[in-house]
Amino acid sequence: ALGPMAGQAGYFRVYAPEPVPFAVARYT
């Protein structure tokens, strides 16, 4: 739980090549 969700939050907030607001909101 903690690791996978933090990893996804980090990816979509920092590394994603383009903004994906739904993913940012969901994982955050």
PDB file of all heavy atoms in Angstrom:
ATOM      1  N   ALA A   1       0.809  -1.212   0.000  1.00  0.00           N
ATOM      2  CA  ALA A   1       0.000   0.000   0.000  1.00  0.00           C
ATOM      3  C   ALA A   1       0.848   1.270   0.000  1.00  0.00           C
ATOM      4  O   ALA A   1       0.849   2.029  -0.968  1.00  0.00           O
ATOM      5  CB  ALA A   1      -0.950  -0.019   1.210  1.00  0.00           C
ATOM      6  N   LEU A   2       1.576   1.507   1.079  1.00  0.00           N
ATOM      7  CA  LEU A   2       2.314   2.773   1.198  1.00  0.00           C
ATOM      8  C   LEU A   2       3.303   2.965   0.054  1.00  0.00           C
ATOM      9  O   LEU A   2       3.325   4.029  -0.580  1.00  0.00           O
ATOM     10  CB  LEU A   2       3.046   2.820   2.545  1.00  0.00           C
ATOM     11  CG  LEU A   2       3.879   4.075   2.799  1.00  0.00           C
ATOM     12  CD1 LEU A   2       3.003   5.320   2.843  1.00  0.00           C
ATOM     13  CD2 LEU A   2       4.682   3.936   4.093  1.00  0.00           C
ATOM     14  N   GLY A   3       4.128   1.968  -0.220  1.00  0.00           N
ATOM     15  CA  GLY A   3       5.129   2.106  -1.274  1.00  0.00           C
ATOM     16  C   GLY A   3       4.523   2.317  -2.653  1.00  0.00           C
ATOM     17  O   GLY A   3       4.865   3.289  -3.344  1.00  0.00           O
ATOM     18  N   PRO A   4       3.619   1.429  -3.095  1.00  0.00           N
ATOM     19  CA  PRO A   4       3.040   1.603  -4.430  1.00  0.00           C
ATOM     20  C   PRO A   4       2.287   2.917  -4.610  1.00  0.00           C
ATOM     21  O   PRO A   4       2.416   3.572  -5.647  1.00  0.00           O
ATOM     22  CB  PRO A   4       2.098   0.396  -4.552  1.00  0.00           C
ATOM     23  CG  PRO A   4       2.724  -0.643  -3.682  1.00  0.00           C
ATOM     24  CD  PRO A   4       3.278   0.116  -2.520  1.00  0.00           C
ATOM     25  N   MET A   5       1.499   3.327  -3.610  1.00  0.00           N
ATOM     26  CA  MET A   5       0.740   4.567  -3.752  1.00  0.00           C
ATOM     27  C   MET A   5       1.659   5.783  -3.724  1.00  0.00           C
ATOM     28  O   MET A   5       1.466   6.739  -4.480  1.00  0.00           O
ATOM     29  CB  MET A   5      -0.314   4.673  -2.646  1.00  0.00           C
ATOM     30  CG  MET A   5      -1.441   3.662  -2.764  1.00  0.00           C
ATOM     31  SD  MET A   5      -2.367   3.760  -4.338  1.00  0.00           S
ATOM     32  CE  MET A   5      -1.680   2.343  -5.220  1.00  0.00           C
ATOM     33  N   ALA A   6       2.679   5.755  -2.865  1.00  0.00           N
ATOM     34  CA  ALA A   6       3.637   6.858  -2.848  1.00  0.00           C
ATOM     35  C   ALA A   6       4.393   6.929  -4.168  1.00  0.00           C
ATOM     36  O   ALA A   6       4.644   8.023  -4.696  1.00  0.00           O
ATOM     37  CB  ALA A   6       4.608   6.697  -1.684  1.00  0.00           C
ATOM     38  N   GLY A   7       4.757   5.773  -4.707  1.00  0.00           N
ATOM     39  CA  GLY A   7       5.451   5.751  -5.988  1.00  0.00           C
ATOM     40  C   GLY A   7       4.622   6.337  -7.116  1.00  0.00           C
ATOM     41  O   GLY A   7       5.129   7.102  -7.945  1.00  0.00           O
ATOM     42  N   GLN A   8       3.341   5.998  -7.141  1.00  0.00           N
ATOM     43  CA  GLN A   8       2.455   6.538  -8.174  1.00  0.00           C
ATOM     44  C   GLN A   8       2.238   8.040  -7.984  1.00  0.00           C
ATOM     45  O   GLN A   8       2.247   8.814  -8.951  1.00  0.00           O
ATOM     46  CB  GLN A   8       1.114   5.810  -8.151  1.00  0.00           C
ATOM     47  CG  GLN A   8       1.181   4.355  -8.575  1.00  0.00           C
ATOM     48  CD  GLN A   8       1.542   4.188 -10.041  1.00  0.00           C
ATOM     49  OE1 GLN A   8       1.406   5.100 -10.848  1.00  0.00           O
ATOM     50  NE2 GLN A   8       2.016   3.010 -10.399  1.00  0.00           N
ATOM     51  N   ALA A   9       2.067   8.464  -6.730  1.00  0.00           N
ATOM     52  CA  ALA A   9       1.905   9.896  -6.468  1.00  0.00           C
ATOM     53  C   ALA A   9       3.144  10.662  -6.918  1.00  0.00           C
ATOM     54  O   ALA A   9       3.050  11.710  -7.562  1.00  0.00           O
ATOM     55  CB  ALA A   9       1.635  10.133  -4.987  1.00  0.00           C
ATOM     56  N   GLY A  10       4.320  10.113  -6.589  1.00  0.00           N
ATOM     57  CA  GLY A  10       5.549  10.770  -6.994  1.00  0.00           C
ATOM     58  C   GLY A  10       5.706  10.837  -8.503  1.00  0.00           C
ATOM     59  O   GLY A  10       6.118  11.861  -9.057  1.00  0.00           O
ATOM     60  N   TYR A  11       5.351   9.751  -9.167  1.00  0.00           N
ATOM     61  CA  TYR A  11       5.499   9.730 -10.628  1.00  0.00           C
ATOM     62  C   TYR A  11       4.605  10.785 -11.286  1.00  0.00           C
ATOM     63  O   TYR A  11       5.063  11.594 -12.107  1.00  0.00           O
ATOM     64  CB  TYR A  11       5.163   8.354 -11.186  1.00  0.00           C
ATOM     65  CG  TYR A  11       5.173   8.334 -12.702  1.00  0.00           C
ATOM     66  CD1 TYR A  11       6.371   8.272 -13.406  1.00  0.00           C
ATOM     67  CD2 TYR A  11       3.984   8.446 -13.425  1.00  0.00           C
ATOM     68  CE1 TYR A  11       6.390   8.295 -14.788  1.00  0.00           C
ATOM     69  CE2 TYR A  11       3.994   8.480 -14.807  1.00  0.00           C
ATOM     70  CZ  TYR A  11       5.195   8.400 -15.493  1.00  0.00           C
ATOM     71  OH  TYR A  11       5.206   8.446 -16.856  1.00  0.00           O
ATOM     72  N   PHE A  12       3.328  10.774 -10.940  1.00  0.00           N
ATOM     73  CA  PHE A  12       2.403  11.683 -11.626  1.00  0.00           C
ATOM     74  C   PHE A  12       2.570  13.137 -11.194  1.00  0.00           C
ATOM     75  O   PHE A  12       2.245  14.046 -11.955  1.00  0.00           O
ATOM     76  CB  PHE A  12       0.958  11.222 -11.415  1.00  0.00           C
ATOM     77  CG  PHE A  12       0.589  10.042 -12.269  1.00  0.00           C
ATOM     78  CD1 PHE A  12       0.462   8.784 -11.713  1.00  0.00           C
ATOM     79  CD2 PHE A  12       0.404  10.190 -13.631  1.00  0.00           C
ATOM     80  CE1 PHE A  12       0.137   7.685 -12.507  1.00  0.00           C
ATOM     81  CE2 PHE A  12       0.082   9.099 -14.434  1.00  0.00           C
ATOM     82  CZ  PHE A  12      -0.050   7.849 -13.876  1.00  0.00           C
ATOM     83  N   ARG A  13       3.114  13.364 -10.004  1.00  0.00           N
ATOM     84  CA  ARG A  13       3.323  14.733  -9.556  1.00  0.00           C
ATOM     85  C   ARG A  13       4.644  15.314 -10.075  1.00  0.00           C
ATOM     86  O   ARG A  13       4.764  16.539 -10.208  1.00  0.00           O
ATOM     87  CB  ARG A  13       3.308  14.800  -8.023  1.00  0.00           C
ATOM     88  CG  ARG A  13       1.959  14.481  -7.392  1.00  0.00           C
ATOM     89  CD  ARG A  13       2.044  14.547  -5.874  1.00  0.00           C
ATOM     90  NE  ARG A  13       2.294  15.907  -5.435  1.00  0.00           N
ATOM     91  CZ  ARG A  13       1.336  16.797  -5.155  1.00  0.00           C
ATOM     92  NH1 ARG A  13       0.057  16.456  -5.264  1.00  0.00           N
ATOM     93  NH2 ARG A  13       1.646  18.000  -4.770  1.00  0.00           N
ATOM     94  N   VAL A  14       5.645  14.454 -10.353  1.00  0.00           N
ATOM     95  CA  VAL A  14       6.979  14.957 -10.693  1.00  0.00           C
ATOM     96  C   VAL A  14       7.463  14.497 -12.066  1.00  0.00           C
ATOM     97  O   VAL A  14       7.997  15.293 -12.839  1.00  0.00           O
ATOM     98  CB  VAL A  14       8.001  14.531  -9.608  1.00  0.00           C
ATOM     99  CG1 VAL A  14       9.405  15.003  -9.974  1.00  0.00           C
ATOM    100  CG2 VAL A  14       7.593  15.064  -8.245  1.00  0.00           C
ATOM    101  N   TYR A  15       7.288  13.221 -12.382  1.00  0.00           N
ATOM    102  CA  TYR A  15       7.957  12.653 -13.548  1.00  0.00           C
ATOM    103  C   TYR A  15       7.090  12.498 -14.797  1.00  0.00           C
ATOM    104  O   TYR A  15       7.626  12.326 -15.894  1.00  0.00           O
ATOM    105  CB  TYR A  15       8.536  11.282 -13.195  1.00  0.00           C
ATOM    106  CG  TYR A  15       9.767  11.347 -12.329  1.00  0.00           C
ATOM    107  CD1 TYR A  15       9.774  10.815 -11.047  1.00  0.00           C
ATOM    108  CD2 TYR A  15      10.929  11.952 -12.792  1.00  0.00           C
ATOM    109  CE1 TYR A  15      10.900  10.875 -10.250  1.00  0.00           C
ATOM    110  CE2 TYR A  15      12.071  12.019 -12.007  1.00  0.00           C
ATOM    111  CZ  TYR A  15      12.042  11.474 -10.733  1.00  0.00           C
ATOM    112  OH  TYR A  15      13.154  11.538  -9.945  1.00  0.00           O
ATOM    113  N   ALA A  16       5.802  12.521 -14.671  1.00  0.00           N
ATOM    114  CA  ALA A  16       4.942  12.295 -15.840  1.00  0.00           C
ATOM    115  C   ALA A  16       5.262  13.324 -16.928  1.00  0.00           C
ATOM    116  O   ALA A  16       5.429  14.513 -16.638  1.00  0.00           O
ATOM    117  CB  ALA A  16       3.474  12.382 -15.444  1.00  0.00           C
ATOM    118  N   PRO A  17       5.370  12.878 -18.190  1.00  0.00           N
ATOM    119  CA  PRO A  17       5.753  13.808 -19.266  1.00  0.00           C
ATOM    120  C   PRO A  17       4.711  14.891 -19.524  1.00  0.00           C
ATOM    121  O   PRO A  17       5.030  15.926 -20.107  1.00  0.00           O
ATOM    122  CB  PRO A  17       5.920  12.887 -20.477  1.00  0.00           C
ATOM    123  CG  PRO A  17       5.131  11.663 -20.144  1.00  0.00           C
ATOM    124  CD  PRO A  17       5.225  11.496 -18.669  1.00  0.00           C
ATOM    125  N   GLU A  18       3.485  14.662 -19.107  1.00  0.00           N
ATOM    126  CA  GLU A  18       2.449  15.685 -19.230  1.00  0.00           C
ATOM    127  C   GLU A  18       1.497  15.560 -18.042  1.00  0.00           C
ATOM    128  O   GLU A  18       1.367  14.480 -17.455  1.00  0.00           O
ATOM    129  CB  GLU A  18       1.666  15.530 -20.541  1.00  0.00           C
ATOM    130  CG  GLU A  18       0.993  14.195 -20.704  1.00  0.00           C
ATOM    131  CD  GLU A  18       0.348  14.047 -22.074  1.00  0.00           C
ATOM    132  OE1 GLU A  18       0.990  14.426 -23.075  1.00  0.00           O
ATOM    133  OE2 GLU A  18      -0.796  13.556 -22.133  1.00  0.00           O
ATOM    134  N   PRO A  19       0.849  16.635 -17.633  1.00  0.00           N
ATOM    135  CA  PRO A  19      -0.028  16.599 -16.457  1.00  0.00           C
ATOM    136  C   PRO A  19      -1.198  15.639 -16.648  1.00  0.00           C
ATOM    137  O   PRO A  19      -1.817  15.593 -17.721  1.00  0.00           O
ATOM    138  CB  PRO A  19      -0.510  18.043 -16.325  1.00  0.00           C
ATOM    139  CG  PRO A  19       0.487  18.868 -17.085  1.00  0.00           C
ATOM    140  CD  PRO A  19       0.952  17.993 -18.218  1.00  0.00           C
ATOM    141  N   VAL A  20      -1.485  14.885 -15.606  1.00  0.00           N
ATOM    142  CA  VAL A  20      -2.651  13.999 -15.587  1.00  0.00           C
ATOM    143  C   VAL A  20      -3.388  14.299 -14.276  1.00  0.00           C
ATOM    144  O   VAL A  20      -3.190  13.612 -13.265  1.00  0.00           O
ATOM    145  CB  VAL A  20      -2.252  12.514 -15.658  1.00  0.00           C
ATOM    146  CG1 VAL A  20      -3.503  11.638 -15.807  1.00  0.00           C
ATOM    147  CG2 VAL A  20      -1.276  12.255 -16.806  1.00  0.00           C
ATOM    148  N   PRO A  21      -4.229  15.334 -14.271  1.00  0.00           N
ATOM    149  CA  PRO A  21      -4.842  15.789 -13.023  1.00  0.00           C
ATOM    150  C   PRO A  21      -5.606  14.697 -12.274  1.00  0.00           C
ATOM    151  O   PRO A  21      -5.539  14.637 -11.039  1.00  0.00           O
ATOM    152  CB  PRO A  21      -5.779  16.918 -13.474  1.00  0.00           C
ATOM    153  CG  PRO A  21      -5.158  17.423 -14.745  1.00  0.00           C
ATOM    154  CD  PRO A  21      -4.588  16.215 -15.409  1.00  0.00           C
ATOM    155  N   PHE A  22      -6.312  13.843 -12.989  1.00  0.00           N
ATOM    156  CA  PHE A  22      -7.071  12.789 -12.312  1.00  0.00           C
ATOM    157  C   PHE A  22      -6.135  11.857 -11.553  1.00  0.00           C
ATOM    158  O   PHE A  22      -6.401  11.489 -10.400  1.00  0.00           O
ATOM    159  CB  PHE A  22      -7.886  11.994 -13.328  1.00  0.00           C
ATOM    160  CG  PHE A  22      -8.584  10.799 -12.712  1.00  0.00           C
ATOM    161  CD1 PHE A  22      -9.760  10.954 -12.000  1.00  0.00           C
ATOM    162  CD2 PHE A  22      -8.051   9.521 -12.829  1.00  0.00           C
ATOM    163  CE1 PHE A  22     -10.384   9.855 -11.413  1.00  0.00           C
ATOM    164  CE2 PHE A  22      -8.657   8.427 -12.244  1.00  0.00           C
ATOM    165  CZ  PHE A  22      -9.846   8.606 -11.541  1.00  0.00           C
ATOM    166  N   ALA A  23      -5.022  11.462 -12.187  1.00  0.00           N
ATOM    167  CA  ALA A  23      -4.070  10.558 -11.534  1.00  0.00           C
ATOM    168  C   ALA A  23      -3.418  11.236 -10.335  1.00  0.00           C
ATOM    169  O   ALA A  23      -3.248  10.620  -9.277  1.00  0.00           O
ATOM    170  CB  ALA A  23      -3.017  10.102 -12.532  1.00  0.00           C
ATOM    171  N   VAL A  24      -3.047  12.503 -10.486  1.00  0.00           N
ATOM    172  CA  VAL A  24      -2.452  13.232  -9.368  1.00  0.00           C
ATOM    173  C   VAL A  24      -3.403  13.253  -8.187  1.00  0.00           C
ATOM    174  O   VAL A  24      -3.028  12.965  -7.041  1.00  0.00           O
ATOM    175  CB  VAL A  24      -2.075  14.666  -9.792  1.00  0.00           C
ATOM    176  CG1 VAL A  24      -1.692  15.497  -8.564  1.00  0.00           C
ATOM    177  CG2 VAL A  24      -0.933  14.656 -10.797  1.00  0.00           C
ATOM    178  N   ALA A  25      -4.660  13.584  -8.449  1.00  0.00           N
ATOM    179  CA  ALA A  25      -5.656  13.673  -7.376  1.00  0.00           C
ATOM    180  C   ALA A  25      -5.903  12.310  -6.744  1.00  0.00           C
ATOM    181  O   ALA A  25      -5.973  12.180  -5.515  1.00  0.00           O
ATOM    182  CB  ALA A  25      -6.951  14.255  -7.918  1.00  0.00           C
ATOM    183  N   ARG A  26      -6.018  11.281  -7.580  1.00  0.00           N
ATOM    184  CA  ARG A  26      -6.337   9.948  -7.068  1.00  0.00           C
ATOM    185  C   ARG A  26      -5.245   9.425  -6.144  1.00  0.00           C
ATOM    186  O   ARG A  26      -5.515   8.983  -5.019  1.00  0.00           O
ATOM    187  CB  ARG A  26      -6.530   8.973  -8.229  1.00  0.00           C
ATOM    188  CG  ARG A  26      -6.852   7.550  -7.781  1.00  0.00           C
ATOM    189  CD  ARG A  26      -6.964   6.605  -8.973  1.00  0.00           C
ATOM    190  NE  ARG A  26      -7.473   5.302  -8.574  1.00  0.00           N
ATOM    191  CZ  ARG A  26      -6.726   4.307  -8.070  1.00  0.00           C
ATOM    192  NH1 ARG A  26      -5.428   4.510  -7.878  1.00  0.00           N
ATOM    193  NH2 ARG A  26      -7.266   3.153  -7.738  1.00  0.00           N
ATOM    194  N   TYR A  27      -3.995   9.475  -6.606  1.00  0.00           N
ATOM    195  CA  TYR A  27      -2.919   8.884  -5.822  1.00  0.00           C
ATOM    196  C   TYR A  27      -2.546   9.763  -4.627  1.00  0.00           C
ATOM    197  O   TYR A  27      -2.168   9.239  -3.567  1.00  0.00           O
ATOM    198  CB  TYR A  27      -1.711   8.603  -6.708  1.00  0.00           C
ATOM    199  CG  TYR A  27      -1.979   7.483  -7.678  1.00  0.00           C
ATOM    200  CD1 TYR A  27      -2.019   7.704  -9.048  1.00  0.00           C
ATOM    201  CD2 TYR A  27      -2.228   6.193  -7.228  1.00  0.00           C
ATOM    202  CE1 TYR A  27      -2.281   6.669  -9.943  1.00  0.00           C
ATOM    203  CE2 TYR A  27      -2.484   5.151  -8.100  1.00  0.00           C
ATOM    204  CZ  TYR A  27      -2.518   5.397  -9.458  1.00  0.00           C
ATOM    205  OH  TYR A  27      -2.787   4.368 -10.328  1.00  0.00           O
ATOM    206  N   THR A  28      -2.647  11.071  -4.777  1.00  0.00           N
ATOM    207  CA  THR A  28      -2.381  11.942  -3.634  1.00  0.00           C
ATOM    208  C   THR A  28      -3.416  11.724  -2.547  1.00  0.00           C
ATOM    209  O   THR A  28      -3.086  11.652  -1.353  1.00  0.00           O
ATOM    210  CB  THR A  28      -2.363  13.413  -4.070  1.00  0.00           C
ATOM    211  OG1 THR A  28      -1.393  13.598  -5.108  1.00  0.00           O
ATOM    212  CG2 THR A  28      -2.016  14.329  -2.892  1.00  0.00           C
TER     213      THR A  28
END
